Protein backbone atom coordinates (compact mmCIF):
# COMPACT_ATOMS: atom_id res chain seq x y z
CA UNK A 1 0.00 0.00 0.00
CA UNK A 2 1.36 3.45 -0.88
CA UNK A 3 1.70 6.11 1.81
CA UNK A 4 -1.38 8.03 0.62
CA UNK A 5 -3.61 5.00 0.11
CA UNK A 6 -6.26 4.24 2.75
CA UNK A 7 -6.89 0.61 3.66
CA UNK A 8 -10.28 -0.95 2.95
CA UNK A 9 -10.89 -1.32 6.70
CA UNK A 10 -9.08 -0.36 9.90
CA UNK A 11 -8.97 -2.23 13.17
CA UNK A 12 -10.05 -0.01 16.05
CA UNK A 13 -9.92 -1.06 19.69
CA UNK A 14 -12.54 -0.03 22.23
CA UNK A 15 -11.78 -0.48 25.93
CA UNK A 16 -14.38 -0.59 28.70
CA UNK A 17 -12.61 -0.71 32.03
CA UNK A 18 -14.10 -2.18 35.22
CA UNK A 19 -12.48 -1.18 38.47
CA UNK A 20 -14.74 -3.13 40.82
CA UNK A 21 -15.06 -6.85 41.49
CA UNK A 22 -17.27 -9.22 39.54
CA UNK A 23 -19.09 -12.14 41.16
CA UNK A 24 -19.60 -15.54 39.58
CA UNK A 25 -23.37 -16.11 39.52
CA UNK A 26 -23.41 -19.40 37.59
CA UNK A 27 -20.99 -22.14 36.59
CA UNK A 28 -22.08 -24.77 34.07
CA UNK A 29 -20.49 -27.73 32.33
CA UNK A 30 -21.04 -27.07 28.62
CA UNK A 31 -19.07 -29.90 27.00
CA UNK A 32 -16.28 -32.29 27.89
CA UNK A 33 -13.62 -30.04 29.44
CA UNK A 34 -15.58 -26.80 28.86
CA UNK A 35 -17.25 -24.74 31.58
CA UNK A 36 -19.07 -21.45 31.32
CA UNK A 37 -18.98 -18.79 34.00
CA UNK A 38 -21.63 -16.10 34.30
CA UNK A 39 -20.31 -12.88 35.84
CA UNK A 40 -22.17 -9.92 37.34
CA UNK A 41 -21.55 -6.82 39.41
CA UNK A 42 -21.88 -7.80 43.11
CA UNK A 43 -24.25 -4.88 43.71
CA UNK A 44 -26.33 -5.46 40.58
CA UNK A 45 -24.96 -2.44 38.66
CA UNK A 46 -24.87 -2.44 34.88
CA UNK A 47 -21.77 -3.77 33.14
CA UNK A 48 -20.27 -1.98 30.14
CA UNK A 49 -21.89 -2.83 26.82
CA UNK A 50 -19.96 -5.18 24.57
CA UNK A 51 -20.12 -6.51 21.05
CA UNK A 52 -19.10 -9.87 19.53
CA UNK A 53 -15.33 -10.15 19.56
CA UNK A 54 -14.98 -8.63 23.04
CA UNK A 55 -12.88 -10.34 25.66
CA UNK A 56 -12.01 -9.80 29.32
CA UNK A 57 -8.81 -10.09 31.29
CA UNK A 58 -9.24 -12.34 34.33
CA UNK A 59 -6.82 -11.83 37.21
CA UNK A 60 -6.20 -15.22 38.79
CA UNK A 61 -3.66 -14.89 41.60
CA UNK A 62 -0.54 -13.83 39.71
CA UNK A 63 -1.90 -14.91 36.31
CA UNK A 64 -3.77 -12.79 33.77
CA UNK A 65 -5.71 -14.61 31.05
CA UNK A 66 -8.02 -13.33 28.32
CA UNK A 67 -11.35 -14.98 27.58
CA UNK A 68 -13.94 -14.09 24.95
CA UNK A 69 -17.32 -12.87 26.10
CA UNK A 70 -20.10 -15.06 24.73
CA UNK A 71 -23.86 -15.23 24.87
CA UNK A 72 -26.34 -12.38 24.39
CA UNK A 73 -24.48 -9.07 24.14
CA UNK A 74 -27.56 -6.98 24.94
CA UNK A 75 -27.71 -7.98 28.62
CA UNK A 76 -25.67 -5.41 30.56
CA UNK A 77 -26.16 -7.17 33.89
CA UNK A 78 -24.41 -10.43 33.00
CA UNK A 79 -21.24 -11.37 31.14
CA UNK A 80 -20.50 -14.98 30.20
CA UNK A 81 -17.24 -16.70 29.30
CA UNK A 82 -16.50 -20.30 28.32
CA UNK A 83 -13.19 -21.89 29.34
CA UNK A 84 -11.67 -25.01 27.77
CA UNK A 85 -9.50 -26.98 30.17
CA UNK A 86 -5.96 -27.23 28.79
CA UNK A 87 -3.87 -29.32 31.21
CA UNK A 88 -0.79 -28.78 29.02
CA UNK A 89 -1.20 -25.00 28.91
CA UNK A 90 0.32 -22.30 31.10
CA UNK A 91 -2.12 -22.90 33.98
CA UNK A 92 -4.89 -20.33 33.51
CA UNK A 93 -7.61 -22.75 32.44
CA UNK A 94 -6.63 -25.20 35.19
CA UNK A 95 -7.01 -22.40 37.76
CA UNK A 96 -10.43 -21.45 36.38
CA UNK A 97 -11.64 -25.06 36.39
CA UNK A 98 -10.23 -25.94 39.82
CA UNK A 99 -10.49 -22.68 41.81
CA UNK A 100 -13.53 -20.70 40.68
CA UNK A 101 -17.04 -21.43 41.93
CA UNK A 102 -20.41 -19.68 42.24
CA UNK A 103 -20.19 -16.82 44.72
CA UNK A 104 -16.48 -16.14 44.18
CA UNK A 105 -15.49 -12.59 43.40
CA UNK A 106 -12.92 -11.79 40.76
CA UNK A 107 -10.59 -8.93 41.63
CA UNK A 108 -10.83 -5.48 40.11
CA UNK A 109 -9.11 -4.76 36.84
CA UNK A 110 -11.32 -6.87 34.61
CA UNK A 111 -11.24 -5.26 31.18
CA UNK A 112 -13.59 -5.80 28.27
CA UNK A 113 -11.97 -5.14 24.91
CA UNK A 114 -13.79 -5.02 21.60
CA UNK A 115 -12.04 -5.08 18.23
CA UNK A 116 -14.13 -3.48 15.55
CA UNK A 117 -13.64 -2.94 11.82
CA UNK A 118 -14.73 0.37 10.40
CA UNK A 119 -15.66 0.70 6.70
CA UNK A 120 -13.31 2.80 4.55
CA UNK A 121 -15.84 5.57 4.03
CA UNK A 122 -16.20 6.05 7.80
CA UNK A 123 -12.45 6.48 8.11
CA UNK A 124 -11.99 8.79 5.14
CA UNK A 125 -15.00 10.97 5.97
CA UNK A 126 -14.14 11.44 9.64
CA UNK A 127 -11.12 13.63 10.47
CA UNK A 128 -11.26 12.49 14.12
CA UNK A 129 -10.56 8.85 13.25
CA UNK A 130 -7.31 7.79 11.61
CA UNK A 131 -6.08 4.38 10.53
CA UNK A 132 -3.20 4.40 13.01
CA UNK A 133 -5.39 5.28 15.97
CA UNK A 134 -5.71 2.35 18.40
CA UNK A 135 -8.82 3.45 20.32
CA UNK A 136 -11.97 5.42 19.79
CA UNK A 137 -14.32 7.37 22.00
C-alpha atoms as a PDB file:
ATOM      1  CA  UNK A   1       0.000   0.000   0.000  1.00  0.00           C
ATOM      2  CA  UNK A   2       1.359   3.446  -0.880  1.00  0.00           C
ATOM      3  CA  UNK A   3       1.697   6.113   1.808  1.00  0.00           C
ATOM      4  CA  UNK A   4      -1.384   8.031   0.619  1.00  0.00           C
ATOM      5  CA  UNK A   5      -3.614   4.999   0.115  1.00  0.00           C
ATOM      6  CA  UNK A   6      -6.257   4.236   2.753  1.00  0.00           C
ATOM      7  CA  UNK A   7      -6.894   0.605   3.665  1.00  0.00           C
ATOM      8  CA  UNK A   8     -10.284  -0.950   2.951  1.00  0.00           C
ATOM      9  CA  UNK A   9     -10.888  -1.317   6.701  1.00  0.00           C
ATOM     10  CA  UNK A  10      -9.077  -0.358   9.898  1.00  0.00           C
ATOM     11  CA  UNK A  11      -8.973  -2.235  13.170  1.00  0.00           C
ATOM     12  CA  UNK A  12     -10.052  -0.014  16.050  1.00  0.00           C
ATOM     13  CA  UNK A  13      -9.922  -1.062  19.686  1.00  0.00           C
ATOM     14  CA  UNK A  14     -12.542  -0.025  22.233  1.00  0.00           C
ATOM     15  CA  UNK A  15     -11.780  -0.483  25.925  1.00  0.00           C
ATOM     16  CA  UNK A  16     -14.382  -0.586  28.696  1.00  0.00           C
ATOM     17  CA  UNK A  17     -12.610  -0.706  32.029  1.00  0.00           C
ATOM     18  CA  UNK A  18     -14.100  -2.184  35.219  1.00  0.00           C
ATOM     19  CA  UNK A  19     -12.477  -1.179  38.474  1.00  0.00           C
ATOM     20  CA  UNK A  20     -14.736  -3.134  40.823  1.00  0.00           C
ATOM     21  CA  UNK A  21     -15.059  -6.851  41.486  1.00  0.00           C
ATOM     22  CA  UNK A  22     -17.273  -9.221  39.543  1.00  0.00           C
ATOM     23  CA  UNK A  23     -19.085 -12.137  41.164  1.00  0.00           C
ATOM     24  CA  UNK A  24     -19.602 -15.545  39.583  1.00  0.00           C
ATOM     25  CA  UNK A  25     -23.371 -16.112  39.519  1.00  0.00           C
ATOM     26  CA  UNK A  26     -23.409 -19.400  37.588  1.00  0.00           C
ATOM     27  CA  UNK A  27     -20.993 -22.140  36.592  1.00  0.00           C
ATOM     28  CA  UNK A  28     -22.085 -24.765  34.068  1.00  0.00           C
ATOM     29  CA  UNK A  29     -20.489 -27.733  32.332  1.00  0.00           C
ATOM     30  CA  UNK A  30     -21.037 -27.072  28.621  1.00  0.00           C
ATOM     31  CA  UNK A  31     -19.074 -29.899  26.998  1.00  0.00           C
ATOM     32  CA  UNK A  32     -16.282 -32.290  27.891  1.00  0.00           C
ATOM     33  CA  UNK A  33     -13.625 -30.038  29.442  1.00  0.00           C
ATOM     34  CA  UNK A  34     -15.576 -26.801  28.865  1.00  0.00           C
ATOM     35  CA  UNK A  35     -17.253 -24.737  31.585  1.00  0.00           C
ATOM     36  CA  UNK A  36     -19.071 -21.447  31.325  1.00  0.00           C
ATOM     37  CA  UNK A  37     -18.985 -18.793  34.004  1.00  0.00           C
ATOM     38  CA  UNK A  38     -21.633 -16.096  34.298  1.00  0.00           C
ATOM     39  CA  UNK A  39     -20.308 -12.880  35.839  1.00  0.00           C
ATOM     40  CA  UNK A  40     -22.168  -9.918  37.336  1.00  0.00           C
ATOM     41  CA  UNK A  41     -21.549  -6.822  39.408  1.00  0.00           C
ATOM     42  CA  UNK A  42     -21.878  -7.804  43.110  1.00  0.00           C
ATOM     43  CA  UNK A  43     -24.251  -4.883  43.710  1.00  0.00           C
ATOM     44  CA  UNK A  44     -26.332  -5.462  40.580  1.00  0.00           C
ATOM     45  CA  UNK A  45     -24.962  -2.444  38.665  1.00  0.00           C
ATOM     46  CA  UNK A  46     -24.874  -2.441  34.882  1.00  0.00           C
ATOM     47  CA  UNK A  47     -21.774  -3.767  33.138  1.00  0.00           C
ATOM     48  CA  UNK A  48     -20.265  -1.980  30.140  1.00  0.00           C
ATOM     49  CA  UNK A  49     -21.889  -2.826  26.824  1.00  0.00           C
ATOM     50  CA  UNK A  50     -19.957  -5.181  24.569  1.00  0.00           C
ATOM     51  CA  UNK A  51     -20.122  -6.509  21.048  1.00  0.00           C
ATOM     52  CA  UNK A  52     -19.101  -9.867  19.533  1.00  0.00           C
ATOM     53  CA  UNK A  53     -15.329 -10.148  19.560  1.00  0.00           C
ATOM     54  CA  UNK A  54     -14.976  -8.630  23.035  1.00  0.00           C
ATOM     55  CA  UNK A  55     -12.875 -10.339  25.664  1.00  0.00           C
ATOM     56  CA  UNK A  56     -12.013  -9.802  29.317  1.00  0.00           C
ATOM     57  CA  UNK A  57      -8.810 -10.090  31.294  1.00  0.00           C
ATOM     58  CA  UNK A  58      -9.238 -12.340  34.326  1.00  0.00           C
ATOM     59  CA  UNK A  59      -6.817 -11.826  37.205  1.00  0.00           C
ATOM     60  CA  UNK A  60      -6.199 -15.225  38.794  1.00  0.00           C
ATOM     61  CA  UNK A  61      -3.658 -14.888  41.601  1.00  0.00           C
ATOM     62  CA  UNK A  62      -0.538 -13.832  39.706  1.00  0.00           C
ATOM     63  CA  UNK A  63      -1.898 -14.913  36.310  1.00  0.00           C
ATOM     64  CA  UNK A  64      -3.772 -12.795  33.767  1.00  0.00           C
ATOM     65  CA  UNK A  65      -5.714 -14.606  31.050  1.00  0.00           C
ATOM     66  CA  UNK A  66      -8.018 -13.326  28.317  1.00  0.00           C
ATOM     67  CA  UNK A  67     -11.351 -14.984  27.582  1.00  0.00           C
ATOM     68  CA  UNK A  68     -13.939 -14.090  24.947  1.00  0.00           C
ATOM     69  CA  UNK A  69     -17.320 -12.870  26.101  1.00  0.00           C
ATOM     70  CA  UNK A  70     -20.098 -15.055  24.733  1.00  0.00           C
ATOM     71  CA  UNK A  71     -23.857 -15.229  24.872  1.00  0.00           C
ATOM     72  CA  UNK A  72     -26.345 -12.384  24.387  1.00  0.00           C
ATOM     73  CA  UNK A  73     -24.482  -9.071  24.143  1.00  0.00           C
ATOM     74  CA  UNK A  74     -27.564  -6.978  24.936  1.00  0.00           C
ATOM     75  CA  UNK A  75     -27.708  -7.978  28.621  1.00  0.00           C
ATOM     76  CA  UNK A  76     -25.673  -5.406  30.555  1.00  0.00           C
ATOM     77  CA  UNK A  77     -26.159  -7.167  33.891  1.00  0.00           C
ATOM     78  CA  UNK A  78     -24.413 -10.435  32.997  1.00  0.00           C
ATOM     79  CA  UNK A  79     -21.237 -11.375  31.140  1.00  0.00           C
ATOM     80  CA  UNK A  80     -20.502 -14.985  30.198  1.00  0.00           C
ATOM     81  CA  UNK A  81     -17.241 -16.702  29.299  1.00  0.00           C
ATOM     82  CA  UNK A  82     -16.495 -20.303  28.321  1.00  0.00           C
ATOM     83  CA  UNK A  83     -13.194 -21.888  29.339  1.00  0.00           C
ATOM     84  CA  UNK A  84     -11.669 -25.007  27.768  1.00  0.00           C
ATOM     85  CA  UNK A  85      -9.504 -26.976  30.175  1.00  0.00           C
ATOM     86  CA  UNK A  86      -5.964 -27.228  28.793  1.00  0.00           C
ATOM     87  CA  UNK A  87      -3.865 -29.323  31.207  1.00  0.00           C
ATOM     88  CA  UNK A  88      -0.789 -28.781  29.022  1.00  0.00           C
ATOM     89  CA  UNK A  89      -1.198 -24.999  28.905  1.00  0.00           C
ATOM     90  CA  UNK A  90       0.317 -22.298  31.105  1.00  0.00           C
ATOM     91  CA  UNK A  91      -2.123 -22.897  33.978  1.00  0.00           C
ATOM     92  CA  UNK A  92      -4.887 -20.325  33.511  1.00  0.00           C
ATOM     93  CA  UNK A  93      -7.606 -22.746  32.436  1.00  0.00           C
ATOM     94  CA  UNK A  94      -6.632 -25.201  35.187  1.00  0.00           C
ATOM     95  CA  UNK A  95      -7.009 -22.401  37.763  1.00  0.00           C
ATOM     96  CA  UNK A  96     -10.425 -21.453  36.375  1.00  0.00           C
ATOM     97  CA  UNK A  97     -11.638 -25.060  36.392  1.00  0.00           C
ATOM     98  CA  UNK A  98     -10.233 -25.939  39.820  1.00  0.00           C
ATOM     99  CA  UNK A  99     -10.488 -22.681  41.806  1.00  0.00           C
ATOM    100  CA  UNK A 100     -13.527 -20.699  40.677  1.00  0.00           C
ATOM    101  CA  UNK A 101     -17.041 -21.433  41.934  1.00  0.00           C
ATOM    102  CA  UNK A 102     -20.408 -19.682  42.238  1.00  0.00           C
ATOM    103  CA  UNK A 103     -20.187 -16.816  44.725  1.00  0.00           C
ATOM    104  CA  UNK A 104     -16.478 -16.145  44.178  1.00  0.00           C
ATOM    105  CA  UNK A 105     -15.486 -12.585  43.403  1.00  0.00           C
ATOM    106  CA  UNK A 106     -12.922 -11.792  40.761  1.00  0.00           C
ATOM    107  CA  UNK A 107     -10.586  -8.926  41.626  1.00  0.00           C
ATOM    108  CA  UNK A 108     -10.826  -5.476  40.109  1.00  0.00           C
ATOM    109  CA  UNK A 109      -9.112  -4.755  36.841  1.00  0.00           C
ATOM    110  CA  UNK A 110     -11.325  -6.873  34.614  1.00  0.00           C
ATOM    111  CA  UNK A 111     -11.243  -5.262  31.180  1.00  0.00           C
ATOM    112  CA  UNK A 112     -13.585  -5.804  28.272  1.00  0.00           C
ATOM    113  CA  UNK A 113     -11.970  -5.137  24.910  1.00  0.00           C
ATOM    114  CA  UNK A 114     -13.789  -5.018  21.597  1.00  0.00           C
ATOM    115  CA  UNK A 115     -12.044  -5.085  18.227  1.00  0.00           C
ATOM    116  CA  UNK A 116     -14.134  -3.480  15.551  1.00  0.00           C
ATOM    117  CA  UNK A 117     -13.636  -2.945  11.818  1.00  0.00           C
ATOM    118  CA  UNK A 118     -14.731   0.368  10.396  1.00  0.00           C
ATOM    119  CA  UNK A 119     -15.656   0.703   6.697  1.00  0.00           C
ATOM    120  CA  UNK A 120     -13.307   2.797   4.553  1.00  0.00           C
ATOM    121  CA  UNK A 121     -15.844   5.573   4.031  1.00  0.00           C
ATOM    122  CA  UNK A 122     -16.203   6.054   7.798  1.00  0.00           C
ATOM    123  CA  UNK A 123     -12.446   6.477   8.114  1.00  0.00           C
ATOM    124  CA  UNK A 124     -11.988   8.789   5.139  1.00  0.00           C
ATOM    125  CA  UNK A 125     -15.004  10.970   5.975  1.00  0.00           C
ATOM    126  CA  UNK A 126     -14.144  11.442   9.644  1.00  0.00           C
ATOM    127  CA  UNK A 127     -11.125  13.632  10.473  1.00  0.00           C
ATOM    128  CA  UNK A 128     -11.262  12.488  14.123  1.00  0.00           C
ATOM    129  CA  UNK A 129     -10.555   8.852  13.254  1.00  0.00           C
ATOM    130  CA  UNK A 130      -7.306   7.788  11.611  1.00  0.00           C
ATOM    131  CA  UNK A 131      -6.081   4.377  10.532  1.00  0.00           C
ATOM    132  CA  UNK A 132      -3.196   4.402  13.005  1.00  0.00           C
ATOM    133  CA  UNK A 133      -5.391   5.277  15.973  1.00  0.00           C
ATOM    134  CA  UNK A 134      -5.714   2.346  18.398  1.00  0.00           C
ATOM    135  CA  UNK A 135      -8.821   3.454  20.324  1.00  0.00           C
ATOM    136  CA  UNK A 136     -11.975   5.418  19.787  1.00  0.00           C
ATOM    137  CA  UNK A 137     -14.319   7.370  21.996  1.00  0.00           C
END
